[in-house]
């Protein structure tokens, strides 16, 4: 999507869009970073030896991603941008639901284990 939106942009258009610094250091290449420019790092991934905590963290991440896609969709009226964002948003909803199902299953199994003593 980034390539789609910037492929024909001139350096002046990149600068006017507030992307002058980005263009100066990376051209039009896609660099994984936060919206404020912080590079992606594996420190964003939180994993414990507790599957219930991991599933809960995953569910929270899916909700944060869903909300981010919704905010991005609110920033444009370009259907060629909204459609892929909508698809990604729907995918986050499904992921959240599947993680929730896995969490319920795991919690049920844990309760059965406690009942057996």
PDB file of N, CA and C in Angstrom:
ATOM      1  N   UNK A   1       0.827  -1.172   0.000  1.00  0.00           N
ATOM      2  CA  UNK A   1       0.000   0.000   0.000  1.00  0.00           C
ATOM      3  C   UNK A   1       0.882   1.249   0.000  1.00  0.00           C
ATOM      4  N   UNK A   2       1.968   1.218   0.770  1.00  0.00           N
ATOM      5  CA  UNK A   2       2.873   2.363   0.795  1.00  0.00           C
ATOM      6  C   UNK A   2       3.469   2.579  -0.590  1.00  0.00           C
ATOM      7  N   UNK A   3       3.888   1.491  -1.218  1.00  0.00           N
ATOM      8  CA  UNK A   3       4.427   1.603  -2.576  1.00  0.00           C
ATOM      9  C   UNK A   3       3.365   2.174  -3.512  1.00  0.00           C
ATOM     10  N   UNK A   4       2.151   1.665  -3.412  1.00  0.00           N
ATOM     11  CA  UNK A   4       1.049   2.120  -4.259  1.00  0.00           C
ATOM     12  C   UNK A   4       0.842   3.626  -4.111  1.00  0.00           C
ATOM     13  N   UNK A   5       0.926   4.123  -2.894  1.00  0.00           N
ATOM     14  CA  UNK A   5       0.644   5.530  -2.641  1.00  0.00           C
ATOM     15  C   UNK A   5       1.808   6.461  -2.975  1.00  0.00           C
ATOM     16  N   UNK A   6       3.031   5.925  -3.036  1.00  0.00           N
ATOM     17  CA  UNK A   6       4.191   6.787  -3.254  1.00  0.00           C
ATOM     18  C   UNK A   6       4.918   6.550  -4.573  1.00  0.00           C
ATOM     19  N   UNK A   7       4.527   5.538  -5.340  1.00  0.00           N
ATOM     20  CA  UNK A   7       5.309   5.151  -6.522  1.00  0.00           C
ATOM     21  C   UNK A   7       5.485   6.278  -7.531  1.00  0.00           C
ATOM     22  N   UNK A   8       4.503   7.130  -7.711  1.00  0.00           N
ATOM     23  CA  UNK A   8       4.601   8.217  -8.680  1.00  0.00           C
ATOM     24  C   UNK A   8       4.866   9.577  -8.023  1.00  0.00           C
ATOM     25  N   UNK A   9       5.069   9.591  -6.725  1.00  0.00           N
ATOM     26  CA  UNK A   9       5.273  10.858  -6.016  1.00  0.00           C
ATOM     27  C   UNK A   9       6.652  11.428  -6.331  1.00  0.00           C
ATOM     28  N   UNK A  10       6.689  12.725  -6.512  1.00  0.00           N
ATOM     29  CA  UNK A  10       7.959  13.416  -6.722  1.00  0.00           C
ATOM     30  C   UNK A  10       8.586  13.703  -5.357  1.00  0.00           C
ATOM     31  N   UNK A  11       9.886  14.009  -5.335  1.00  0.00           N
ATOM     32  CA  UNK A  11      10.488  14.394  -4.048  1.00  0.00           C
ATOM     33  C   UNK A  11       9.766  15.581  -3.408  1.00  0.00           C
ATOM     34  N   UNK A  12       9.310  16.537  -4.221  1.00  0.00           N
ATOM     35  CA  UNK A  12       8.574  17.678  -3.682  1.00  0.00           C
ATOM     36  C   UNK A  12       7.260  17.236  -3.030  1.00  0.00           C
ATOM     37  N   UNK A  13       6.543  16.315  -3.663  1.00  0.00           N
ATOM     38  CA  UNK A  13       5.293  15.811  -3.087  1.00  0.00           C
ATOM     39  C   UNK A  13       5.565  15.034  -1.798  1.00  0.00           C
ATOM     40  N   UNK A  14       6.663  14.309  -1.774  1.00  0.00           N
ATOM     41  CA  UNK A  14       7.024  13.590  -0.539  1.00  0.00           C
ATOM     42  C   UNK A  14       7.281  14.597   0.584  1.00  0.00           C
ATOM     43  N   UNK A  15       7.998  15.666   0.272  1.00  0.00           N
ATOM     44  CA  UNK A  15       8.295  16.701   1.263  1.00  0.00           C
ATOM     45  C   UNK A  15       6.999  17.373   1.724  1.00  0.00           C
ATOM     46  N   UNK A  16       6.121  17.726   0.793  1.00  0.00           N
ATOM     47  CA  UNK A  16       4.852  18.379   1.140  1.00  0.00           C
ATOM     48  C   UNK A  16       3.961  17.481   1.999  1.00  0.00           C
ATOM     49  N   UNK A  17       4.093  16.169   1.831  1.00  0.00           N
ATOM     50  CA  UNK A  17       3.293  15.223   2.614  1.00  0.00           C
ATOM     51  C   UNK A  17       3.913  14.956   3.983  1.00  0.00           C
ATOM     52  N   UNK A  18       5.011  15.651   4.294  1.00  0.00           N
ATOM     53  CA  UNK A  18       5.664  15.439   5.584  1.00  0.00           C
ATOM     54  C   UNK A  18       6.595  14.244   5.590  1.00  0.00           C
ATOM     55  N   UNK A  19       6.932  13.752   4.411  1.00  0.00           N
ATOM     56  CA  UNK A  19       7.785  12.566   4.291  1.00  0.00           C
ATOM     57  C   UNK A  19       9.182  12.905   3.764  1.00  0.00           C
ATOM     58  N   UNK A  20       9.586  14.164   3.874  1.00  0.00           N
ATOM     59  CA  UNK A  20      10.891  14.578   3.369  1.00  0.00           C
ATOM     60  C   UNK A  20      12.045  13.860   4.043  1.00  0.00           C
ATOM     61  N   UNK A  21      12.004  13.771   5.375  1.00  0.00           N
ATOM     62  CA  UNK A  21      13.072  13.071   6.101  1.00  0.00           C
ATOM     63  C   UNK A  21      13.104  11.593   5.735  1.00  0.00           C
ATOM     64  N   UNK A  22      11.930  10.990   5.657  1.00  0.00           N
ATOM     65  CA  UNK A  22      11.841   9.578   5.280  1.00  0.00           C
ATOM     66  C   UNK A  22      12.424   9.371   3.887  1.00  0.00           C
ATOM     67  N   UNK A  23      12.025  10.217   2.937  1.00  0.00           N
ATOM     68  CA  UNK A  23      12.504  10.099   1.566  1.00  0.00           C
ATOM     69  C   UNK A  23      14.023  10.302   1.509  1.00  0.00           C
ATOM     70  N   UNK A  24      14.520  11.262   2.283  1.00  0.00           N
ATOM     71  CA  UNK A  24      15.954  11.557   2.270  1.00  0.00           C
ATOM     72  C   UNK A  24      16.784  10.371   2.748  1.00  0.00           C
ATOM     73  N   UNK A  25      16.278   9.616   3.708  1.00  0.00           N
ATOM     74  CA  UNK A  25      17.060   8.502   4.253  1.00  0.00           C
ATOM     75  C   UNK A  25      16.736   7.151   3.629  1.00  0.00           C
ATOM     76  N   UNK A  26      15.520   6.984   3.108  1.00  0.00           N
ATOM     77  CA  UNK A  26      15.114   5.663   2.609  1.00  0.00           C
ATOM     78  C   UNK A  26      14.557   5.672   1.202  1.00  0.00           C
ATOM     79  N   UNK A  27      14.470   6.830   0.588  1.00  0.00           N
ATOM     80  CA  UNK A  27      13.824   6.902  -0.722  1.00  0.00           C
ATOM     81  C   UNK A  27      12.371   6.515  -0.566  1.00  0.00           C
ATOM     82  N   UNK A  28      11.898   5.675  -1.443  1.00  0.00           N
ATOM     83  CA  UNK A  28      10.511   5.217  -1.357  1.00  0.00           C
ATOM     84  C   UNK A  28      10.438   3.786  -0.830  1.00  0.00           C
ATOM     85  N   UNK A  29      11.550   3.290  -0.296  1.00  0.00           N
ATOM     86  CA  UNK A  29      11.581   1.944   0.265  1.00  0.00           C
ATOM     87  C   UNK A  29      10.742   1.853   1.525  1.00  0.00           C
ATOM     88  N   UNK A  30      10.154   0.700   1.727  1.00  0.00           N
ATOM     89  CA  UNK A  30       9.316   0.480   2.904  1.00  0.00           C
ATOM     90  C   UNK A  30      10.213   0.064   4.062  1.00  0.00           C
ATOM     91  N   UNK A  31      10.121   0.784   5.144  1.00  0.00           N
ATOM     92  CA  UNK A  31      10.902   0.510   6.349  1.00  0.00           C
ATOM     93  C   UNK A  31       9.939   0.269   7.486  1.00  0.00           C
ATOM     94  N   UNK A  32      10.073  -0.864   8.131  1.00  0.00           N
ATOM     95  CA  UNK A  32       9.138  -1.202   9.207  1.00  0.00           C
ATOM     96  C   UNK A  32       9.413  -0.338  10.420  1.00  0.00           C
ATOM     97  N   UNK A  33       8.448   0.522  10.702  1.00  0.00           N
ATOM     98  CA  UNK A  33       8.575   1.407  11.858  1.00  0.00           C
ATOM     99  C   UNK A  33       7.186   1.783  12.343  1.00  0.00           C
ATOM    100  N   UNK A  34       7.167   2.360  13.534  1.00  0.00           N
ATOM    101  CA  UNK A  34       5.902   2.866  14.068  1.00  0.00           C
ATOM    102  C   UNK A  34       5.535   4.137  13.312  1.00  0.00           C
ATOM    103  N   UNK A  35       4.297   4.610  13.466  1.00  0.00           N
ATOM    104  CA  UNK A  35       3.924   5.851  12.793  1.00  0.00           C
ATOM    105  C   UNK A  35       4.805   7.043  13.182  1.00  0.00           C
ATOM    106  N   UNK A  36       5.407   6.988  14.365  1.00  0.00           N
ATOM    107  CA  UNK A  36       6.287   8.088  14.781  1.00  0.00           C
ATOM    108  C   UNK A  36       7.735   7.858  14.366  1.00  0.00           C
ATOM    109  N   UNK A  37       7.981   6.784  13.598  1.00  0.00           N
ATOM    110  CA  UNK A  37       9.308   6.563  13.035  1.00  0.00           C
ATOM    111  C   UNK A  37      10.236   5.653  13.817  1.00  0.00           C
ATOM    112  N   UNK A  38       9.771   5.091  14.920  1.00  0.00           N
ATOM    113  CA  UNK A  38      10.628   4.187  15.696  1.00  0.00           C
ATOM    114  C   UNK A  38      10.743   2.854  14.971  1.00  0.00           C
ATOM    115  N   UNK A  39      11.967   2.366  14.749  1.00  0.00           N
ATOM    116  CA  UNK A  39      12.143   1.104  14.020  1.00  0.00           C
ATOM    117  C   UNK A  39      11.490  -0.067  14.740  1.00  0.00           C
ATOM    118  N   UNK A  40      11.002  -1.032  13.957  1.00  0.00           N
ATOM    119  CA  UNK A  40      10.443  -2.250  14.528  1.00  0.00           C
ATOM    120  C   UNK A  40      11.560  -3.014  15.219  1.00  0.00           C
ATOM    121  N   UNK A  41      11.205  -3.637  16.320  1.00  0.00           N
ATOM    122  CA  UNK A  41      12.154  -4.443  17.071  1.00  0.00           C
ATOM    123  C   UNK A  41      11.442  -5.658  17.636  1.00  0.00           C
ATOM    124  N   UNK A  42      12.159  -6.741  17.789  1.00  0.00           N
ATOM    125  CA  UNK A  42      11.550  -7.943  18.356  1.00  0.00           C
ATOM    126  C   UNK A  42      11.159  -7.739  19.816  1.00  0.00           C
ATOM    127  N   UNK A  43      11.593  -6.648  20.421  1.00  0.00           N
ATOM    128  CA  UNK A  43      11.190  -6.357  21.805  1.00  0.00           C
ATOM    129  C   UNK A  43       9.685  -6.119  21.901  1.00  0.00           C
ATOM    130  N   UNK A  44       9.032  -5.856  20.750  1.00  0.00           N
ATOM    131  CA  UNK A  44       7.582  -5.681  20.755  1.00  0.00           C
ATOM    132  C   UNK A  44       6.856  -6.992  21.039  1.00  0.00           C
ATOM    133  N   UNK A  45       7.543  -8.098  20.849  1.00  0.00           N
ATOM    134  CA  UNK A  45       6.928  -9.408  21.031  1.00  0.00           C
ATOM    135  C   UNK A  45       7.131  -9.851  22.471  1.00  0.00           C
ATOM    136  N   UNK A  46       6.046 -10.146  23.140  1.00  0.00           N
ATOM    137  CA  UNK A  46       6.120 -10.584  24.530  1.00  0.00           C
ATOM    138  C   UNK A  46       5.668 -12.035  24.616  1.00  0.00           C
ATOM    139  N   UNK A  47       6.565 -12.886  25.058  1.00  0.00           N
ATOM    140  CA  UNK A  47       6.246 -14.305  25.188  1.00  0.00           C
ATOM    141  C   UNK A  47       6.659 -14.756  26.584  1.00  0.00           C
ATOM    142  N   UNK A  48       5.766 -15.484  27.217  1.00  0.00           N
ATOM    143  CA  UNK A  48       6.031 -16.058  28.533  1.00  0.00           C
ATOM    144  C   UNK A  48       5.904 -17.575  28.437  1.00  0.00           C
ATOM    145  N   UNK A  49       6.188 -18.247  29.508  1.00  0.00           N
ATOM    146  CA  UNK A  49       5.977 -19.699  29.548  1.00  0.00           C
ATOM    147  C   UNK A  49       4.568 -20.024  30.039  1.00  0.00           C
ATOM    148  N   UNK A  50       3.675 -19.084  29.886  1.00  0.00           N
ATOM    149  CA  UNK A  50       2.291 -19.215  30.342  1.00  0.00           C
ATOM    150  C   UNK A  50       1.363 -19.028  29.140  1.00  0.00           C
ATOM    151  N   UNK A  51       0.792 -20.117  28.625  1.00  0.00           N
ATOM    152  CA  UNK A  51      -0.032 -19.985  27.416  1.00  0.00           C
ATOM    153  C   UNK A  51      -1.263 -19.090  27.607  1.00  0.00           C
ATOM    154  N   UNK A  52      -1.802 -19.022  28.796  1.00  0.00           N
ATOM    155  CA  UNK A  52      -2.957 -18.150  29.025  1.00  0.00           C
ATOM    156  C   UNK A  52      -2.531 -16.683  28.909  1.00  0.00           C
ATOM    157  N   UNK A  53      -1.395 -16.340  29.484  1.00  0.00           N
ATOM    158  CA  UNK A  53      -0.884 -14.968  29.360  1.00  0.00           C
ATOM    159  C   UNK A  53      -0.547 -14.653  27.907  1.00  0.00           C
ATOM    160  N   UNK A  54       0.048 -15.606  27.193  1.00  0.00           N
ATOM    161  CA  UNK A  54       0.394 -15.387  25.791  1.00  0.00           C
ATOM    162  C   UNK A  54      -0.843 -15.155  24.938  1.00  0.00           C
ATOM    163  N   UNK A  55      -1.880 -15.965  25.140  1.00  0.00           N
ATOM    164  CA  UNK A  55      -3.105 -15.785  24.365  1.00  0.00           C
ATOM    165  C   UNK A  55      -3.768 -14.450  24.685  1.00  0.00           C
ATOM    166  N   UNK A  56      -3.750 -14.063  25.953  1.00  0.00           N
ATOM    167  CA  UNK A  56      -4.327 -12.778  26.345  1.00  0.00           C
ATOM    168  C   UNK A  56      -3.563 -11.629  25.699  1.00  0.00           C
ATOM    169  N   UNK A  57      -2.225 -11.710  25.692  1.00  0.00           N
ATOM    170  CA  UNK A  57      -1.417 -10.691  25.016  1.00  0.00           C
ATOM    171  C   UNK A  57      -1.725 -10.655  23.524  1.00  0.00           C
ATOM    172  N   UNK A  58      -1.869 -11.816  22.906  1.00  0.00           N
ATOM    173  CA  UNK A  58      -2.186 -11.875  21.480  1.00  0.00           C
ATOM    174  C   UNK A  58      -3.533 -11.223  21.191  1.00  0.00           C
ATOM    175  N   UNK A  59      -4.504 -11.491  22.052  1.00  0.00           N
ATOM    176  CA  UNK A  59      -5.833 -10.907  21.855  1.00  0.00           C
ATOM    177  C   UNK A  59      -5.765  -9.379  21.953  1.00  0.00           C
ATOM    178  N   UNK A  60      -4.990  -8.888  22.918  1.00  0.00           N
ATOM    179  CA  UNK A  60      -4.839  -7.433  23.056  1.00  0.00           C
ATOM    180  C   UNK A  60      -4.167  -6.843  21.817  1.00  0.00           C
ATOM    181  N   UNK A  61      -3.155  -7.524  21.298  1.00  0.00           N
ATOM    182  CA  UNK A  61      -2.458  -7.036  20.099  1.00  0.00           C
ATOM    183  C   UNK A  61      -3.402  -6.984  18.907  1.00  0.00           C
ATOM    184  N   UNK A  62      -4.264  -7.974  18.770  1.00  0.00           N
ATOM    185  CA  UNK A  62      -5.222  -7.981  17.662  1.00  0.00           C
ATOM    186  C   UNK A  62      -6.183  -6.802  17.776  1.00  0.00           C
ATOM    187  N   UNK A  63      -6.626  -6.490  18.984  1.00  0.00           N
ATOM    188  CA  UNK A  63      -7.550  -5.367  19.180  1.00  0.00           C
ATOM    189  C   UNK A  63      -6.854  -4.039  18.886  1.00  0.00           C
ATOM    190  N   UNK A  64      -5.575  -3.930  19.281  1.00  0.00           N
ATOM    191  CA  UNK A  64      -4.832  -2.701  18.993  1.00  0.00           C
ATOM    192  C   UNK A  64      -4.655  -2.529  17.489  1.00  0.00           C
ATOM    193  N   UNK A  65      -4.370  -3.614  16.790  1.00  0.00           N
ATOM    194  CA  UNK A  65      -4.212  -3.545  15.334  1.00  0.00           C
ATOM    195  C   UNK A  65      -5.540  -3.176  14.672  1.00  0.00           C
ATOM    196  N   UNK A  66      -6.635  -3.782  15.129  1.00  0.00           N
ATOM    197  CA  UNK A  66      -7.956  -3.460  14.580  1.00  0.00           C
ATOM    198  C   UNK A  66      -8.240  -1.968  14.737  1.00  0.00           C
ATOM    199  N   UNK A  67      -7.991  -1.448  15.926  1.00  0.00           N
ATOM    200  CA  UNK A  67      -8.242  -0.029  16.182  1.00  0.00           C
ATOM    201  C   UNK A  67      -7.355   0.853  15.303  1.00  0.00           C
ATOM    202  N   UNK A  68      -6.112   0.450  15.089  1.00  0.00           N
ATOM    203  CA  UNK A  68      -5.209   1.233  14.233  1.00  0.00           C
ATOM    204  C   UNK A  68      -5.714   1.260  12.797  1.00  0.00           C
ATOM    205  N   UNK A  69      -6.170   0.111  12.286  1.00  0.00           N
ATOM    206  CA  UNK A  69      -6.711   0.087  10.925  1.00  0.00           C
ATOM    207  C   UNK A  69      -7.936   0.985  10.813  1.00  0.00           C
ATOM    208  N   UNK A  70      -8.783   0.981  11.829  1.00  0.00           N
ATOM    209  CA  UNK A  70      -9.967   1.833  11.803  1.00  0.00           C
ATOM    210  C   UNK A  70      -9.569   3.307  11.767  1.00  0.00           C
ATOM    211  N   UNK A  71      -8.557   3.684  12.558  1.00  0.00           N
ATOM    212  CA  UNK A  71      -8.112   5.078  12.558  1.00  0.00           C
ATOM    213  C   UNK A  71      -7.521   5.453  11.205  1.00  0.00           C
ATOM    214  N   UNK A  72      -6.743   4.537  10.597  1.00  0.00           N
ATOM    215  CA  UNK A  72      -6.193   4.803   9.265  1.00  0.00           C
ATOM    216  C   UNK A  72      -7.307   4.981   8.237  1.00  0.00           C
ATOM    217  N   UNK A  73      -8.336   4.159   8.342  1.00  0.00           N
ATOM    218  CA  UNK A  73      -9.467   4.282   7.416  1.00  0.00           C
ATOM    219  C   UNK A  73     -10.165   5.625   7.586  1.00  0.00           C
ATOM    220  N   UNK A  74     -10.183   6.146   8.814  1.00  0.00           N
ATOM    221  CA  UNK A  74     -10.807   7.446   9.068  1.00  0.00           C
ATOM    222  C   UNK A  74     -10.014   8.606   8.461  1.00  0.00           C
ATOM    223  N   UNK A  75      -8.757   8.369   8.115  1.00  0.00           N
ATOM    224  CA  UNK A  75      -7.902   9.430   7.591  1.00  0.00           C
ATOM    225  C   UNK A  75      -7.973   9.597   6.081  1.00  0.00           C
ATOM    226  N   UNK A  76      -8.732   8.740   5.401  1.00  0.00           N
ATOM    227  CA  UNK A  76      -8.761   8.815   3.940  1.00  0.00           C
ATOM    228  C   UNK A  76     -10.158   8.575   3.398  1.00  0.00           C
ATOM    229  N   UNK A  77     -10.356   9.041   2.190  1.00  0.00           N
ATOM    230  CA  UNK A  77     -11.581   8.698   1.468  1.00  0.00           C
ATOM    231  C   UNK A  77     -11.237   7.948   0.182  1.00  0.00           C
ATOM    232  N   UNK A  78      -9.973   7.521   0.064  1.00  0.00           N
ATOM    233  CA  UNK A  78      -9.499   6.778  -1.104  1.00  0.00           C
ATOM    234  C   UNK A  78      -9.889   5.309  -0.958  1.00  0.00           C
ATOM    235  N   UNK A  79     -10.817   4.867  -1.801  1.00  0.00           N
ATOM    236  CA  UNK A  79     -11.329   3.490  -1.696  1.00  0.00           C
ATOM    237  C   UNK A  79     -10.229   2.466  -1.927  1.00  0.00           C
ATOM    238  N   UNK A  80      -9.210   2.816  -2.731  1.00  0.00           N
ATOM    239  CA  UNK A  80      -8.118   1.875  -2.983  1.00  0.00           C
ATOM    240  C   UNK A  80      -7.237   1.698  -1.747  1.00  0.00           C
ATOM    241  N   UNK A  81      -7.365   2.577  -0.785  1.00  0.00           N
ATOM    242  CA  UNK A  81      -6.672   2.451   0.502  1.00  0.00           C
ATOM    243  C   UNK A  81      -7.612   1.816   1.531  1.00  0.00           C
ATOM    244  N   UNK A  82      -8.859   2.237   1.511  1.00  0.00           N
ATOM    245  CA  UNK A  82      -9.829   1.741   2.492  1.00  0.00           C
ATOM    246  C   UNK A  82     -10.073   0.235   2.325  1.00  0.00           C
ATOM    247  N   UNK A  83     -10.172  -0.244   1.100  1.00  0.00           N
ATOM    248  CA  UNK A  83     -10.479  -1.669   0.888  1.00  0.00           C
ATOM    249  C   UNK A  83      -9.438  -2.599   1.499  1.00  0.00           C
ATOM    250  N   UNK A  84      -8.137  -2.417   1.246  1.00  0.00           N
ATOM    251  CA  UNK A  84      -7.177  -3.326   1.889  1.00  0.00           C
ATOM    252  C   UNK A  84      -7.125  -3.152   3.403  1.00  0.00           C
ATOM    253  N   UNK A  85      -7.306  -1.911   3.871  1.00  0.00           N
ATOM    254  CA  UNK A  85      -7.325  -1.706   5.322  1.00  0.00           C
ATOM    255  C   UNK A  85      -8.526  -2.412   5.948  1.00  0.00           C
ATOM    256  N   UNK A  86      -9.657  -2.384   5.257  1.00  0.00           N
ATOM    257  CA  UNK A  86     -10.849  -3.065   5.740  1.00  0.00           C
ATOM    258  C   UNK A  86     -10.621  -4.573   5.826  1.00  0.00           C
ATOM    259  N   UNK A  87      -9.967  -5.120   4.813  1.00  0.00           N
ATOM    260  CA  UNK A  87      -9.644  -6.549   4.826  1.00  0.00           C
ATOM    261  C   UNK A  87      -8.721  -6.881   5.993  1.00  0.00           C
ATOM    262  N   UNK A  88      -7.708  -6.060   6.204  1.00  0.00           N
ATOM    263  CA  UNK A  88      -6.790  -6.288   7.323  1.00  0.00           C
ATOM    264  C   UNK A  88      -7.519  -6.169   8.662  1.00  0.00           C
ATOM    265  N   UNK A  89      -8.419  -5.202   8.772  1.00  0.00           N
ATOM    266  CA  UNK A  89      -9.216  -5.031   9.995  1.00  0.00           C
ATOM    267  C   UNK A  89     -10.054  -6.272  10.267  1.00  0.00           C
ATOM    268  N   UNK A  90     -10.702  -6.791   9.228  1.00  0.00           N
ATOM    269  CA  UNK A  90     -11.519  -7.998   9.393  1.00  0.00           C
ATOM    270  C   UNK A  90     -10.658  -9.188   9.824  1.00  0.00           C
ATOM    271  N   UNK A  91      -9.451  -9.261   9.284  1.00  0.00           N
ATOM    272  CA  UNK A  91      -8.541 -10.347   9.654  1.00  0.00           C
ATOM    273  C   UNK A  91      -8.181 -10.273  11.133  1.00  0.00           C
ATOM    274  N   UNK A  92      -7.971  -9.053  11.646  1.00  0.00           N
ATOM    275  CA  UNK A  92      -7.661  -8.896  13.067  1.00  0.00           C
ATOM    276  C   UNK A  92      -8.830  -9.357  13.936  1.00  0.00           C
ATOM    277  N   UNK A  93     -10.050  -9.085  13.489  1.00  0.00           N
ATOM    278  CA  UNK A  93     -11.235  -9.507  14.237  1.00  0.00           C
ATOM    279  C   UNK A  93     -11.299 -11.034  14.301  1.00  0.00           C
ATOM    280  N   UNK A  94     -11.053 -11.689  13.176  1.00  0.00           N
ATOM    281  CA  UNK A  94     -11.071 -13.156  13.142  1.00  0.00           C
ATOM    282  C   UNK A  94      -9.959 -13.723  14.023  1.00  0.00           C
ATOM    283  N   UNK A  95      -8.768 -13.132  13.946  1.00  0.00           N
ATOM    284  CA  UNK A  95      -7.665 -13.599  14.799  1.00  0.00           C
ATOM    285  C   UNK A  95      -8.048 -13.481  16.279  1.00  0.00           C
ATOM    286  N   UNK A  96      -8.643 -12.340  16.647  1.00  0.00           N
ATOM    287  CA  UNK A  96      -9.076 -12.140  18.029  1.00  0.00           C
ATOM    288  C   UNK A  96     -10.052 -13.238  18.447  1.00  0.00           C
ATOM    289  N   UNK A  97     -10.993 -13.539  17.577  1.00  0.00           N
ATOM    290  CA  UNK A  97     -11.982 -14.575  17.885  1.00  0.00           C
ATOM    291  C   UNK A  97     -11.329 -15.943  18.046  1.00  0.00           C
ATOM    292  N   UNK A  98     -10.398 -16.282  17.158  1.00  0.00           N
ATOM    293  CA  UNK A  98      -9.733 -17.595  17.239  1.00  0.00           C
ATOM    294  C   UNK A  98      -8.872 -17.697  18.494  1.00  0.00           C
ATOM    295  N   UNK A  99      -8.144 -16.620  18.828  1.00  0.00           N
ATOM    296  CA  UNK A  99      -7.356 -16.639  20.066  1.00  0.00           C
ATOM    297  C   UNK A  99      -8.280 -16.780  21.271  1.00  0.00           C
ATOM    298  N   UNK A 100      -9.445 -16.121  21.223  1.00  0.00           N
ATOM    299  CA  UNK A 100     -10.415 -16.239  22.314  1.00  0.00           C
ATOM    300  C   UNK A 100     -10.927 -17.654  22.463  1.00  0.00           C
ATOM    301  N   UNK A 101     -11.183 -18.317  21.327  1.00  0.00           N
ATOM    302  CA  UNK A 101     -11.622 -19.719  21.377  1.00  0.00           C
ATOM    303  C   UNK A 101     -10.533 -20.607  21.965  1.00  0.00           C
ATOM    304  N   UNK A 102      -9.302 -20.358  21.570  1.00  0.00           N
ATOM    305  CA  UNK A 102      -8.188 -21.147  22.108  1.00  0.00           C
ATOM    306  C   UNK A 102      -8.043 -20.908  23.608  1.00  0.00           C
ATOM    307  N   UNK A 103      -8.211 -19.667  24.033  1.00  0.00           N
ATOM    308  CA  UNK A 103      -8.121 -19.340  25.451  1.00  0.00           C
ATOM    309  C   UNK A 103      -9.210 -20.048  26.246  1.00  0.00           C
ATOM    310  N   UNK A 104     -10.442 -20.027  25.743  1.00  0.00           N
ATOM    311  CA  UNK A 104     -11.536 -20.702  26.440  1.00  0.00           C
ATOM    312  C   UNK A 104     -11.267 -22.209  26.536  1.00  0.00           C
ATOM    313  N   UNK A 105     -10.758 -22.791  25.471  1.00  0.00           N
ATOM    314  CA  UNK A 105     -10.453 -24.218  25.463  1.00  0.00           C
ATOM    315  C   UNK A 105      -9.368 -24.543  26.482  1.00  0.00           C
ATOM    316  N   UNK A 106      -8.333 -23.718  26.500  1.00  0.00           N
ATOM    317  CA  UNK A 106      -7.231 -23.932  27.438  1.00  0.00           C
ATOM    318  C   UNK A 106      -7.702 -23.778  28.879  1.00  0.00           C
ATOM    319  N   UNK A 107      -8.523 -22.781  29.133  1.00  0.00           N
ATOM    320  CA  UNK A 107      -9.032 -22.571  30.487  1.00  0.00           C
ATOM    321  C   UNK A 107      -9.931 -23.732  30.912  1.00  0.00           C
ATOM    322  N   UNK A 108     -10.722 -24.243  29.988  1.00  0.00           N
ATOM    323  CA  UNK A 108     -11.568 -25.403  30.292  1.00  0.00           C
ATOM    324  C   UNK A 108     -10.703 -26.613  30.637  1.00  0.00           C
ATOM    325  N   UNK A 109      -9.663 -26.849  29.843  1.00  0.00           N
ATOM    326  CA  UNK A 109      -8.757 -27.966  30.106  1.00  0.00           C
ATOM    327  C   UNK A 109      -8.063 -27.812  31.455  1.00  0.00           C
ATOM    328  N   UNK A 110      -7.678 -26.582  31.782  1.00  0.00           N
ATOM    329  CA  UNK A 110      -7.023 -26.338  33.073  1.00  0.00           C
ATOM    330  C   UNK A 110      -7.976 -26.636  34.231  1.00  0.00           C
ATOM    331  N   UNK A 111      -9.222 -26.232  34.087  1.00  0.00           N
ATOM    332  CA  UNK A 111     -10.207 -26.477  35.149  1.00  0.00           C
ATOM    333  C   UNK A 111     -10.459 -27.972  35.317  1.00  0.00           C
ATOM    334  N   UNK A 112     -10.467 -28.708  34.226  1.00  0.00           N
ATOM    335  CA  UNK A 112     -10.639 -30.161  34.300  1.00  0.00           C
ATOM    336  C   UNK A 112      -9.465 -30.784  35.047  1.00  0.00           C
ATOM    337  N   UNK A 113      -8.268 -30.267  34.785  1.00  0.00           N
ATOM    338  CA  UNK A 113      -7.083 -30.771  35.462  1.00  0.00           C
ATOM    339  C   UNK A 113      -7.117 -30.510  36.950  1.00  0.00           C
ATOM    340  N   UNK A 114      -7.613 -29.330  37.354  1.00  0.00           N
ATOM    341  CA  UNK A 114      -7.726 -29.009  38.761  1.00  0.00           C
ATOM    342  C   UNK A 114      -8.780 -29.886  39.442  1.00  0.00           C
ATOM    343  N   UNK A 115      -9.845 -30.185  38.726  1.00  0.00           N
ATOM    344  CA  UNK A 115     -10.932 -30.997  39.299  1.00  0.00           C
ATOM    345  C   UNK A 115     -10.448 -32.425  39.591  1.00  0.00           C
ATOM    346  N   UNK A 116      -9.522 -32.915  38.747  1.00  0.00           N
ATOM    347  CA  UNK A 116      -9.008 -34.260  38.958  1.00  0.00           C
ATOM    348  C   UNK A 116      -8.056 -34.310  40.135  1.00  0.00           C
ATOM    349  N   UNK A 117      -7.507 -33.155  40.462  1.00  0.00           N
ATOM    350  CA  UNK A 117      -6.679 -33.051  41.656  1.00  0.00           C
ATOM    351  C   UNK A 117      -5.301 -33.372  41.417  1.00  0.00           C
TER     352      UNK A 117
END
